[in-house]
Amino acid sequence: MMREFKITNQYGIHARPAALFVKAASRFDAEVSVEKDGMVVSGKSIMGLMTLEAGRGSVLRVTADGADCEEALDHLEDLVVVRKFDED
């Protein structure tokens, strides 16, 4: 299952948002991957997420695979799109 999330918080994905994303993704058994511009990283890796250099306006393709994949994507979408990593 895949969804696209647009990054709208002011500074994009830096250390704090990456840590929040990993913490949220790690709550689920589903495998989570994040793609930007053809580069794919684990959604459970802070360093991986930071290497994407996802600034404001970037679109991430987030894929989850496993029994709780829909719940994982719902939770991550809330964090990224609705709550904007609690930064704004």
Protein backbone atom coordinates (compact mmCIF):
# COMPACT_ATOMS: atom_id res chain seq x y z
CA MET A 1 0.00 0.00 0.00
CA MET A 2 1.39 3.41 -0.97
CA ARG A 3 0.54 7.04 -0.32
CA GLU A 4 2.18 10.30 -1.29
CA PHE A 5 2.82 12.93 1.39
CA LYS A 6 3.78 16.53 0.63
CA ILE A 7 6.18 18.07 3.14
CA THR A 8 4.75 21.39 4.30
CA ASN A 9 6.53 22.12 7.57
CA GLN A 10 8.94 25.05 7.32
CA TYR A 11 12.28 23.22 7.36
CA GLY A 12 11.38 19.86 5.83
CA ILE A 13 12.83 16.65 7.20
CA HIS A 14 15.79 17.40 9.45
CA ALA A 15 16.88 15.46 12.55
CA ARG A 16 13.81 16.06 14.73
CA PRO A 17 11.13 15.24 12.11
CA ALA A 18 13.16 12.23 10.97
CA ALA A 19 13.26 10.95 14.55
CA LEU A 20 9.50 11.48 14.95
CA PHE A 21 8.82 9.64 11.68
CA VAL A 22 11.01 6.69 12.69
CA LYS A 23 9.43 6.54 16.14
CA ALA A 24 5.96 6.50 14.57
CA ALA A 25 6.88 3.93 11.89
CA SER A 26 8.57 1.67 14.42
CA ARG A 27 5.31 1.27 16.36
CA PHE A 28 4.07 -0.97 13.55
CA ASP A 29 5.11 -4.38 12.28
CA ALA A 30 4.70 -3.24 8.66
CA GLU A 31 7.81 -2.65 6.59
CA VAL A 32 7.87 1.06 5.77
CA SER A 33 9.89 2.58 2.95
CA VAL A 34 10.13 6.17 1.77
CA GLU A 35 11.01 7.27 -1.76
CA LYS A 36 11.99 10.68 -3.09
CA ASP A 37 13.34 11.30 -6.57
CA GLY A 38 14.02 7.60 -7.12
CA MET A 39 15.96 7.12 -3.87
CA VAL A 40 14.34 4.61 -1.51
CA VAL A 41 15.18 4.34 2.19
CA SER A 42 13.77 2.57 5.21
CA GLY A 43 11.11 4.53 7.05
CA LYS A 44 12.64 3.18 10.24
CA SER A 45 16.07 4.78 9.68
CA ILE A 46 16.76 8.34 10.81
CA MET A 47 19.91 8.60 8.71
CA GLY A 48 18.13 7.13 5.71
CA LEU A 49 15.37 9.72 5.91
CA MET A 50 17.85 12.56 6.28
CA THR A 51 19.73 11.46 3.15
CA LEU A 52 16.58 12.16 1.13
CA GLU A 53 17.11 15.90 1.73
CA ALA A 54 13.34 16.39 1.71
CA GLY A 55 12.72 20.10 2.05
CA ARG A 56 9.46 21.98 2.17
CA GLY A 57 7.37 21.17 -0.90
CA SER A 58 8.99 17.77 -1.46
CA VAL A 59 6.69 14.85 -2.19
CA LEU A 60 7.47 11.56 -0.48
CA ARG A 61 6.10 8.24 -1.67
CA VAL A 62 5.57 6.21 1.50
CA THR A 63 4.98 2.47 1.14
CA ALA A 64 3.96 0.08 3.89
CA ASP A 65 3.71 -3.69 3.58
CA GLY A 66 2.34 -5.98 6.28
CA ALA A 67 -0.70 -6.76 8.37
CA ASP A 68 -0.96 -3.27 9.89
CA CYS A 69 0.13 -1.32 6.81
CA GLU A 70 -3.04 0.78 6.51
CA GLU A 71 -2.90 1.78 10.17
CA ALA A 72 0.79 2.66 9.80
CA LEU A 73 0.12 4.87 6.77
CA ASP A 74 -2.81 6.58 8.52
CA HIS A 75 -0.59 7.37 11.51
CA LEU A 76 2.30 8.62 9.36
CA GLU A 77 -0.02 10.74 7.21
CA ASP A 78 -1.37 12.38 10.36
CA LEU A 79 2.18 13.15 11.54
CA VAL A 80 3.47 14.50 8.21
CA VAL A 81 0.46 16.12 6.55
CA VAL A 82 -1.95 17.05 9.33
CA ARG A 83 0.35 17.79 12.27
CA LYS A 84 3.34 18.90 10.14
CA PHE A 85 5.71 17.16 12.58
CA ASP A 86 4.23 19.42 15.31
CA GLU A 87 6.42 22.29 14.05
CA ASP A 88 3.95 24.82 12.64
